[in-house]
């Protein structure tokens, strides 16, 4: 039912535009809490859980972070998205 409503009432470009915004999303001067919340929103809205592996999503998350936080995740060898959220 939900998919039928999406198809009927959402513009075809909505998903593509939202996915494009997510691909360009970086932390910048946002706090870690704001960044994680927005990243999670993109993750849910883009529904990539079935199309991308958890490793790909973790890489997308890590690559969007500021350099200092990215290096922290790499140094600690974080391999799960939830642990990365907690550490950041």
PDB file of N, CA and C in Angstrom:
ATOM      1  N   UNK A   1       0.824  -1.185   0.000  1.00  0.00           N
ATOM      2  CA  UNK A   1       0.000   0.000   0.000  1.00  0.00           C
ATOM      3  C   UNK A   1       0.879   1.265   0.000  1.00  0.00           C
ATOM      4  N   UNK A   2       1.884   1.254   0.884  1.00  0.00           N
ATOM      5  CA  UNK A   2       2.762   2.410   0.998  1.00  0.00           C
ATOM      6  C   UNK A   2       3.476   2.678  -0.331  1.00  0.00           C
ATOM      7  N   UNK A   3       3.966   1.621  -0.977  1.00  0.00           N
ATOM      8  CA  UNK A   3       4.652   1.774  -2.262  1.00  0.00           C
ATOM      9  C   UNK A   3       3.713   2.295  -3.341  1.00  0.00           C
ATOM     10  N   UNK A   4       2.460   1.857  -3.302  1.00  0.00           N
ATOM     11  CA  UNK A   4       1.477   2.331  -4.281  1.00  0.00           C
ATOM     12  C   UNK A   4       1.230   3.830  -4.105  1.00  0.00           C
ATOM     13  N   UNK A   5       1.113   4.270  -2.866  1.00  0.00           N
ATOM     14  CA  UNK A   5       0.904   5.695  -2.592  1.00  0.00           C
ATOM     15  C   UNK A   5       2.107   6.521  -3.029  1.00  0.00           C
ATOM     16  N   UNK A   6       3.306   5.999  -2.760  1.00  0.00           N
ATOM     17  CA  UNK A   6       4.510   6.711  -3.201  1.00  0.00           C
ATOM     18  C   UNK A   6       4.505   6.880  -4.713  1.00  0.00           C
ATOM     19  N   UNK A   7       4.209   5.811  -5.423  1.00  0.00           N
ATOM     20  CA  UNK A   7       4.197   5.857  -6.873  1.00  0.00           C
ATOM     21  C   UNK A   7       3.147   6.806  -7.430  1.00  0.00           C
ATOM     22  N   UNK A   8       2.035   6.918  -6.729  1.00  0.00           N
ATOM     23  CA  UNK A   8       0.940   7.749  -7.212  1.00  0.00           C
ATOM     24  C   UNK A   8       1.143   9.228  -6.901  1.00  0.00           C
ATOM     25  N   UNK A   9       1.690   9.556  -5.735  1.00  0.00           N
ATOM     26  CA  UNK A   9       1.725  10.940  -5.292  1.00  0.00           C
ATOM     27  C   UNK A   9       3.114  11.597  -5.270  1.00  0.00           C
ATOM     28  N   UNK A  10       4.165  10.854  -5.454  1.00  0.00           N
ATOM     29  CA  UNK A  10       5.506  11.441  -5.432  1.00  0.00           C
ATOM     30  C   UNK A  10       6.037  11.602  -6.845  1.00  0.00           C
ATOM     31  N   UNK A  11       6.678  12.725  -7.080  1.00  0.00           N
ATOM     32  CA  UNK A  11       7.269  12.964  -8.391  1.00  0.00           C
ATOM     33  C   UNK A  11       8.383  11.950  -8.625  1.00  0.00           C
ATOM     34  N   UNK A  12       8.547  11.493  -9.861  1.00  0.00           N
ATOM     35  CA  UNK A  12       9.596  10.512 -10.158  1.00  0.00           C
ATOM     36  C   UNK A  12      11.000  11.011  -9.818  1.00  0.00           C
ATOM     37  N   UNK A  13      11.194  12.313  -9.882  1.00  0.00           N
ATOM     38  CA  UNK A  13      12.523  12.858  -9.620  1.00  0.00           C
ATOM     39  C   UNK A  13      12.819  12.997  -8.124  1.00  0.00           C
ATOM     40  N   UNK A  14      11.826  12.811  -7.258  1.00  0.00           N
ATOM     41  CA  UNK A  14      12.032  12.998  -5.826  1.00  0.00           C
ATOM     42  C   UNK A  14      13.137  12.097  -5.300  1.00  0.00           C
ATOM     43  N   UNK A  15      13.033  10.817  -5.584  1.00  0.00           N
ATOM     44  CA  UNK A  15      14.016   9.858  -5.081  1.00  0.00           C
ATOM     45  C   UNK A  15      15.399  10.171  -5.633  1.00  0.00           C
ATOM     46  N   UNK A  16      15.492  10.453  -6.907  1.00  0.00           N
ATOM     47  CA  UNK A  16      16.787  10.760  -7.534  1.00  0.00           C
ATOM     48  C   UNK A  16      17.405  12.017  -6.923  1.00  0.00           C
ATOM     49  N   UNK A  17      16.605  13.043  -6.710  1.00  0.00           N
ATOM     50  CA  UNK A  17      17.103  14.277  -6.108  1.00  0.00           C
ATOM     51  C   UNK A  17      17.577  14.047  -4.674  1.00  0.00           C
ATOM     52  N   UNK A  18      16.809  13.278  -3.919  1.00  0.00           N
ATOM     53  CA  UNK A  18      17.164  13.010  -2.534  1.00  0.00           C
ATOM     54  C   UNK A  18      18.439  12.179  -2.466  1.00  0.00           C
ATOM     55  N   UNK A  19      18.552  11.190  -3.344  1.00  0.00           N
ATOM     56  CA  UNK A  19      19.753  10.354  -3.389  1.00  0.00           C
ATOM     57  C   UNK A  19      20.962  11.180  -3.782  1.00  0.00           C
ATOM     58  N   UNK A  20      20.789  12.096  -4.708  1.00  0.00           N
ATOM     59  CA  UNK A  20      21.874  12.982  -5.120  1.00  0.00           C
ATOM     60  C   UNK A  20      22.326  13.873  -3.960  1.00  0.00           C
ATOM     61  N   UNK A  21      21.375  14.397  -3.198  1.00  0.00           N
ATOM     62  CA  UNK A  21      21.720  15.209  -2.031  1.00  0.00           C
ATOM     63  C   UNK A  21      22.513  14.395  -1.015  1.00  0.00           C
ATOM     64  N   UNK A  22      22.148  13.113  -0.871  1.00  0.00           N
ATOM     65  CA  UNK A  22      22.844  12.252   0.075  1.00  0.00           C
ATOM     66  C   UNK A  22      24.280  11.979  -0.385  1.00  0.00           C
ATOM     67  N   UNK A  23      24.463  11.779  -1.672  1.00  0.00           N
ATOM     68  CA  UNK A  23      25.802  11.527  -2.204  1.00  0.00           C
ATOM     69  C   UNK A  23      26.707  12.739  -2.006  1.00  0.00           C
ATOM     70  N   UNK A  24      26.144  13.939  -1.964  1.00  0.00           N
ATOM     71  CA  UNK A  24      26.930  15.154  -1.807  1.00  0.00           C
ATOM     72  C   UNK A  24      27.016  15.612  -0.351  1.00  0.00           C
ATOM     73  N   UNK A  25      26.377  14.898   0.539  1.00  0.00           N
ATOM     74  CA  UNK A  25      26.287  15.273   1.947  1.00  0.00           C
ATOM     75  C   UNK A  25      27.628  15.089   2.653  1.00  0.00           C
ATOM     76  N   UNK A  26      28.099  16.137   3.347  1.00  0.00           N
ATOM     77  CA  UNK A  26      29.310  16.064   4.162  1.00  0.00           C
ATOM     78  C   UNK A  26      29.029  16.730   5.504  1.00  0.00           C
ATOM     79  N   UNK A  27      29.859  16.414   6.486  1.00  0.00           N
ATOM     80  CA  UNK A  27      29.641  16.951   7.828  1.00  0.00           C
ATOM     81  C   UNK A  27      29.870  18.448   7.887  1.00  0.00           C
ATOM     82  N   UNK A  28      30.940  18.918   7.309  1.00  0.00           N
ATOM     83  CA  UNK A  28      31.230  20.346   7.355  1.00  0.00           C
ATOM     84  C   UNK A  28      31.300  20.861   8.781  1.00  0.00           C
ATOM     85  N   UNK A  29      30.531  21.895   9.101  1.00  0.00           N
ATOM     86  CA  UNK A  29      30.562  22.461  10.452  1.00  0.00           C
ATOM     87  C   UNK A  29      29.401  21.982  11.329  1.00  0.00           C
ATOM     88  N   UNK A  30      28.700  20.954  10.888  1.00  0.00           N
ATOM     89  CA  UNK A  30      27.608  20.390  11.695  1.00  0.00           C
ATOM     90  C   UNK A  30      28.204  19.631  12.880  1.00  0.00           C
ATOM     91  N   UNK A  31      27.483  19.593  13.977  1.00  0.00           N
ATOM     92  CA  UNK A  31      27.924  18.783  15.113  1.00  0.00           C
ATOM     93  C   UNK A  31      27.771  17.309  14.726  1.00  0.00           C
ATOM     94  N   UNK A  32      28.473  16.458  15.450  1.00  0.00           N
ATOM     95  CA  UNK A  32      28.401  15.020  15.174  1.00  0.00           C
ATOM     96  C   UNK A  32      26.970  14.521  15.334  1.00  0.00           C
ATOM     97  N   UNK A  33      26.267  15.035  16.334  1.00  0.00           N
ATOM     98  CA  UNK A  33      24.883  14.605  16.582  1.00  0.00           C
ATOM     99  C   UNK A  33      23.975  14.994  15.409  1.00  0.00           C
ATOM    100  N   UNK A  34      24.110  16.222  14.924  1.00  0.00           N
ATOM    101  CA  UNK A  34      23.311  16.675  13.778  1.00  0.00           C
ATOM    102  C   UNK A  34      23.647  15.859  12.532  1.00  0.00           C
ATOM    103  N   UNK A  35      24.929  15.604  12.344  1.00  0.00           N
ATOM    104  CA  UNK A  35      25.363  14.857  11.170  1.00  0.00           C
ATOM    105  C   UNK A  35      24.799  13.443  11.183  1.00  0.00           C
ATOM    106  N   UNK A  36      24.903  12.756  12.307  1.00  0.00           N
ATOM    107  CA  UNK A  36      24.394  11.376  12.405  1.00  0.00           C
ATOM    108  C   UNK A  36      22.886  11.355  12.170  1.00  0.00           C
ATOM    109  N   UNK A  37      22.164  12.306  12.729  1.00  0.00           N
ATOM    110  CA  UNK A  37      20.713  12.357  12.551  1.00  0.00           C
ATOM    111  C   UNK A  37      20.352  12.551  11.079  1.00  0.00           C
ATOM    112  N   UNK A  38      21.039  13.458  10.414  1.00  0.00           N
ATOM    113  CA  UNK A  38      20.747  13.710   9.001  1.00  0.00           C
ATOM    114  C   UNK A  38      21.168  12.530   8.128  1.00  0.00           C
ATOM    115  N   UNK A  39      22.311  11.921   8.425  1.00  0.00           N
ATOM    116  CA  UNK A  39      22.760  10.758   7.672  1.00  0.00           C
ATOM    117  C   UNK A  39      21.739   9.633   7.801  1.00  0.00           C
ATOM    118  N   UNK A  40      21.253   9.411   9.004  1.00  0.00           N
ATOM    119  CA  UNK A  40      20.255   8.366   9.240  1.00  0.00           C
ATOM    120  C   UNK A  40      18.959   8.674   8.490  1.00  0.00           C
ATOM    121  N   UNK A  41      18.588   9.936   8.429  1.00  0.00           N
ATOM    122  CA  UNK A  41      17.390  10.337   7.677  1.00  0.00           C
ATOM    123  C   UNK A  41      17.563  10.001   6.190  1.00  0.00           C
ATOM    124  N   UNK A  42      18.731  10.328   5.648  1.00  0.00           N
ATOM    125  CA  UNK A  42      19.001   9.985   4.253  1.00  0.00           C
ATOM    126  C   UNK A  42      18.950   8.470   4.062  1.00  0.00           C
ATOM    127  N   UNK A  43      19.546   7.735   4.978  1.00  0.00           N
ATOM    128  CA  UNK A  43      19.588   6.279   4.886  1.00  0.00           C
ATOM    129  C   UNK A  43      18.185   5.685   4.844  1.00  0.00           C
ATOM    130  N   UNK A  44      17.324   6.171   5.712  1.00  0.00           N
ATOM    131  CA  UNK A  44      15.947   5.665   5.763  1.00  0.00           C
ATOM    132  C   UNK A  44      15.162   6.073   4.523  1.00  0.00           C
ATOM    133  N   UNK A  45      15.241   7.336   4.140  1.00  0.00           N
ATOM    134  CA  UNK A  45      14.475   7.825   2.997  1.00  0.00           C
ATOM    135  C   UNK A  45      14.914   7.207   1.676  1.00  0.00           C
ATOM    136  N   UNK A  46      16.196   6.959   1.539  1.00  0.00           N
ATOM    137  CA  UNK A  46      16.701   6.402   0.286  1.00  0.00           C
ATOM    138  C   UNK A  46      16.537   4.881   0.234  1.00  0.00           C
ATOM    139  N   UNK A  47      16.212   4.275   1.358  1.00  0.00           N
ATOM    140  CA  UNK A  47      15.946   2.842   1.433  1.00  0.00           C
ATOM    141  C   UNK A  47      17.031   2.011   0.759  1.00  0.00           C
ATOM    142  N   UNK A  48      18.283   2.290   1.074  1.00  0.00           N
ATOM    143  CA  UNK A  48      19.378   1.558   0.449  1.00  0.00           C
ATOM    144  C   UNK A  48      19.745   0.303   1.216  1.00  0.00           C
ATOM    145  N   UNK A  49      19.061   0.041   2.306  1.00  0.00           N
ATOM    146  CA  UNK A  49      19.415  -1.122   3.102  1.00  0.00           C
ATOM    147  C   UNK A  49      19.349  -2.414   2.297  1.00  0.00           C
ATOM    148  N   UNK A  50      18.509  -2.471   1.308  1.00  0.00           N
ATOM    149  CA  UNK A  50      18.409  -3.669   0.493  1.00  0.00           C
ATOM    150  C   UNK A  50      19.325  -3.659  -0.710  1.00  0.00           C
ATOM    151  N   UNK A  51      19.845  -2.498  -1.091  1.00  0.00           N
ATOM    152  CA  UNK A  51      20.642  -2.407  -2.306  1.00  0.00           C
ATOM    153  C   UNK A  51      22.134  -2.208  -2.052  1.00  0.00           C
ATOM    154  N   UNK A  52      22.500  -1.706  -0.893  1.00  0.00           N
ATOM    155  CA  UNK A  52      23.906  -1.516  -0.550  1.00  0.00           C
ATOM    156  C   UNK A  52      24.227  -2.349   0.675  1.00  0.00           C
ATOM    157  N   UNK A  53      25.440  -2.880   0.724  1.00  0.00           N
ATOM    158  CA  UNK A  53      25.847  -3.659   1.889  1.00  0.00           C
ATOM    159  C   UNK A  53      26.121  -2.710   3.056  1.00  0.00           C
ATOM    160  N   UNK A  54      26.178  -3.280   4.253  1.00  0.00           N
ATOM    161  CA  UNK A  54      26.471  -2.456   5.421  1.00  0.00           C
ATOM    162  C   UNK A  54      27.851  -1.836   5.313  1.00  0.00           C
ATOM    163  N   UNK A  55      28.772  -2.527   4.689  1.00  0.00           N
ATOM    164  CA  UNK A  55      30.128  -2.002   4.510  1.00  0.00           C
ATOM    165  C   UNK A  55      30.097  -0.766   3.612  1.00  0.00           C
ATOM    166  N   UNK A  56      29.326  -0.806   2.530  1.00  0.00           N
ATOM    167  CA  UNK A  56      29.218   0.346   1.640  1.00  0.00           C
ATOM    168  C   UNK A  56      28.612   1.543   2.363  1.00  0.00           C
ATOM    169  N   UNK A  57      27.605   1.295   3.178  1.00  0.00           N
ATOM    170  CA  UNK A  57      26.962   2.375   3.926  1.00  0.00           C
ATOM    171  C   UNK A  57      27.937   2.945   4.954  1.00  0.00           C
ATOM    172  N   UNK A  58      28.696   2.065   5.625  1.00  0.00           N
ATOM    173  CA  UNK A  58      29.703   2.528   6.580  1.00  0.00           C
ATOM    174  C   UNK A  58      30.746   3.382   5.879  1.00  0.00           C
ATOM    175  N   UNK A  59      31.201   2.983   4.705  1.00  0.00           N
ATOM    176  CA  UNK A  59      32.178   3.767   3.949  1.00  0.00           C
ATOM    177  C   UNK A  59      31.602   5.126   3.569  1.00  0.00           C
ATOM    178  N   UNK A  60      30.351   5.148   3.152  1.00  0.00           N
ATOM    179  CA  UNK A  60      29.703   6.421   2.797  1.00  0.00           C
ATOM    180  C   UNK A  60      29.661   7.336   4.022  1.00  0.00           C
ATOM    181  N   UNK A  61      29.308   6.758   5.181  1.00  0.00           N
ATOM    182  CA  UNK A  61      29.255   7.522   6.423  1.00  0.00           C
ATOM    183  C   UNK A  61      30.638   8.061   6.772  1.00  0.00           C
ATOM    184  N   UNK A  62      31.614   7.184   6.770  1.00  0.00           N
ATOM    185  CA  UNK A  62      32.977   7.572   7.157  1.00  0.00           C
ATOM    186  C   UNK A  62      33.550   8.623   6.216  1.00  0.00           C
ATOM    187  N   UNK A  63      33.321   8.461   4.927  1.00  0.00           N
ATOM    188  CA  UNK A  63      33.871   9.410   3.956  1.00  0.00           C
ATOM    189  C   UNK A  63      33.217  10.784   4.021  1.00  0.00           C
ATOM    190  N   UNK A  64      32.048  10.863   4.632  1.00  0.00           N
ATOM    191  CA  UNK A  64      31.343  12.145   4.756  1.00  0.00           C
ATOM    192  C   UNK A  64      31.746  12.919   5.999  1.00  0.00           C
ATOM    193  N   UNK A  65      32.468  12.267   6.892  1.00  0.00           N
ATOM    194  CA  UNK A  65      32.866  12.901   8.149  1.00  0.00           C
ATOM    195  C   UNK A  65      34.029  13.860   7.963  1.00  0.00           C
ATOM    196  N   UNK A  66      34.209  14.727   8.959  1.00  0.00           N
ATOM    197  CA  UNK A  66      35.405  15.565   9.007  1.00  0.00           C
ATOM    198  C   UNK A  66      36.625  14.666   9.170  1.00  0.00           C
ATOM    199  N   UNK A  67      37.761  15.165   8.779  1.00  0.00           N
ATOM    200  CA  UNK A  67      39.002  14.383   8.765  1.00  0.00           C
ATOM    201  C   UNK A  67      39.346  13.790  10.134  1.00  0.00           C
ATOM    202  N   UNK A  68      39.209  14.565  11.207  1.00  0.00           N
ATOM    203  CA  UNK A  68      39.580  14.064  12.533  1.00  0.00           C
ATOM    204  C   UNK A  68      38.714  12.883  12.967  1.00  0.00           C
ATOM    205  N   UNK A  69      37.417  12.961  12.705  1.00  0.00           N
ATOM    206  CA  UNK A  69      36.523  11.859  13.072  1.00  0.00           C
ATOM    207  C   UNK A  69      36.740  10.649  12.170  1.00  0.00           C
ATOM    208  N   UNK A  70      37.000  10.901  10.901  1.00  0.00           N
ATOM    209  CA  UNK A  70      37.281   9.811   9.961  1.00  0.00           C
ATOM    210  C   UNK A  70      38.514   9.028  10.413  1.00  0.00           C
ATOM    211  N   UNK A  71      39.560   9.744  10.798  1.00  0.00           N
ATOM    212  CA  UNK A  71      40.792   9.093  11.246  1.00  0.00           C
ATOM    213  C   UNK A  71      40.572   8.297  12.537  1.00  0.00           C
ATOM    214  N   UNK A  72      39.719   8.808  13.414  1.00  0.00           N
ATOM    215  CA  UNK A  72      39.400   8.091  14.646  1.00  0.00           C
ATOM    216  C   UNK A  72      38.738   6.753  14.328  1.00  0.00           C
ATOM    217  N   UNK A  73      37.772   6.760  13.406  1.00  0.00           N
ATOM    218  CA  UNK A  73      37.109   5.513  13.024  1.00  0.00           C
ATOM    219  C   UNK A  73      38.098   4.538  12.387  1.00  0.00           C
ATOM    220  N   UNK A  74      38.964   5.036  11.543  1.00  0.00           N
ATOM    221  CA  UNK A  74      39.952   4.175  10.897  1.00  0.00           C
ATOM    222  C   UNK A  74      40.924   3.598  11.919  1.00  0.00           C
ATOM    223  N   UNK A  75      41.388   4.420  12.853  1.00  0.00           N
ATOM    224  CA  UNK A  75      42.352   3.971  13.858  1.00  0.00           C
ATOM    225  C   UNK A  75      41.766   2.895  14.770  1.00  0.00           C
ATOM    226  N   UNK A  76      40.482   3.001  15.042  1.00  0.00           N
ATOM    227  CA  UNK A  76      39.837   2.020  15.929  1.00  0.00           C
ATOM    228  C   UNK A  76      39.312   0.804  15.183  1.00  0.00           C
ATOM    229  N   UNK A  77      39.389   0.826  13.874  1.00  0.00           N
ATOM    230  CA  UNK A  77      38.959  -0.337  13.085  1.00  0.00           C
ATOM    231  C   UNK A  77      37.469  -0.619  13.170  1.00  0.00           C
ATOM    232  N   UNK A  78      36.662   0.418  13.237  1.00  0.00           N
ATOM    233  CA  UNK A  78      35.207   0.261  13.340  1.00  0.00           C
ATOM    234  C   UNK A  78      34.669  -0.349  12.046  1.00  0.00           C
ATOM    235  N   UNK A  79      33.886  -1.430  12.190  1.00  0.00           N
ATOM    236  CA  UNK A  79      33.355  -2.128  11.018  1.00  0.00           C
ATOM    237  C   UNK A  79      31.834  -2.206  10.999  1.00  0.00           C
ATOM    238  N   UNK A  80      31.176  -1.551  11.957  1.00  0.00           N
ATOM    239  CA  UNK A  80      29.716  -1.566  12.011  1.00  0.00           C
ATOM    240  C   UNK A  80      29.194  -0.134  12.113  1.00  0.00           C
ATOM    241  N   UNK A  81      28.127   0.144  11.395  1.00  0.00           N
ATOM    242  CA  UNK A  81      27.565   1.489  11.348  1.00  0.00           C
ATOM    243  C   UNK A  81      27.112   1.973  12.726  1.00  0.00           C
ATOM    244  N   UNK A  82      26.454   1.118  13.486  1.00  0.00           N
ATOM    245  CA  UNK A  82      25.966   1.527  14.818  1.00  0.00           C
ATOM    246  C   UNK A  82      27.126   1.890  15.727  1.00  0.00           C
ATOM    247  N   UNK A  83      28.223   1.148  15.656  1.00  0.00           N
ATOM    248  CA  UNK A  83      29.399   1.476  16.473  1.00  0.00           C
ATOM    249  C   UNK A  83      30.003   2.786  16.018  1.00  0.00           C
ATOM    250  N   UNK A  84      29.986   3.030  14.723  1.00  0.00           N
ATOM    251  CA  UNK A  84      30.508   4.294  14.189  1.00  0.00           C
ATOM    252  C   UNK A  84      29.652   5.453  14.688  1.00  0.00           C
ATOM    253  N   UNK A  85      28.312   5.286  14.680  1.00  0.00           N
ATOM    254  CA  UNK A  85      27.416   6.322  15.203  1.00  0.00           C
ATOM    255  C   UNK A  85      27.762   6.623  16.658  1.00  0.00           C
ATOM    256  N   UNK A  86      27.951   5.588  17.457  1.00  0.00           N
ATOM    257  CA  UNK A  86      28.226   5.746  18.881  1.00  0.00           C
ATOM    258  C   UNK A  86      29.558   6.433  19.114  1.00  0.00           C
ATOM    259  N   UNK A  87      30.564   6.027  18.371  1.00  0.00           N
ATOM    260  CA  UNK A  87      31.900   6.594  18.559  1.00  0.00           C
ATOM    261  C   UNK A  87      31.956   8.064  18.150  1.00  0.00           C
ATOM    262  N   UNK A  88      31.290   8.395  17.072  1.00  0.00           N
ATOM    263  CA  UNK A  88      31.285   9.778  16.597  1.00  0.00           C
ATOM    264  C   UNK A  88      30.496  10.623  17.561  1.00  0.00           C
TER     265      UNK A  88
END
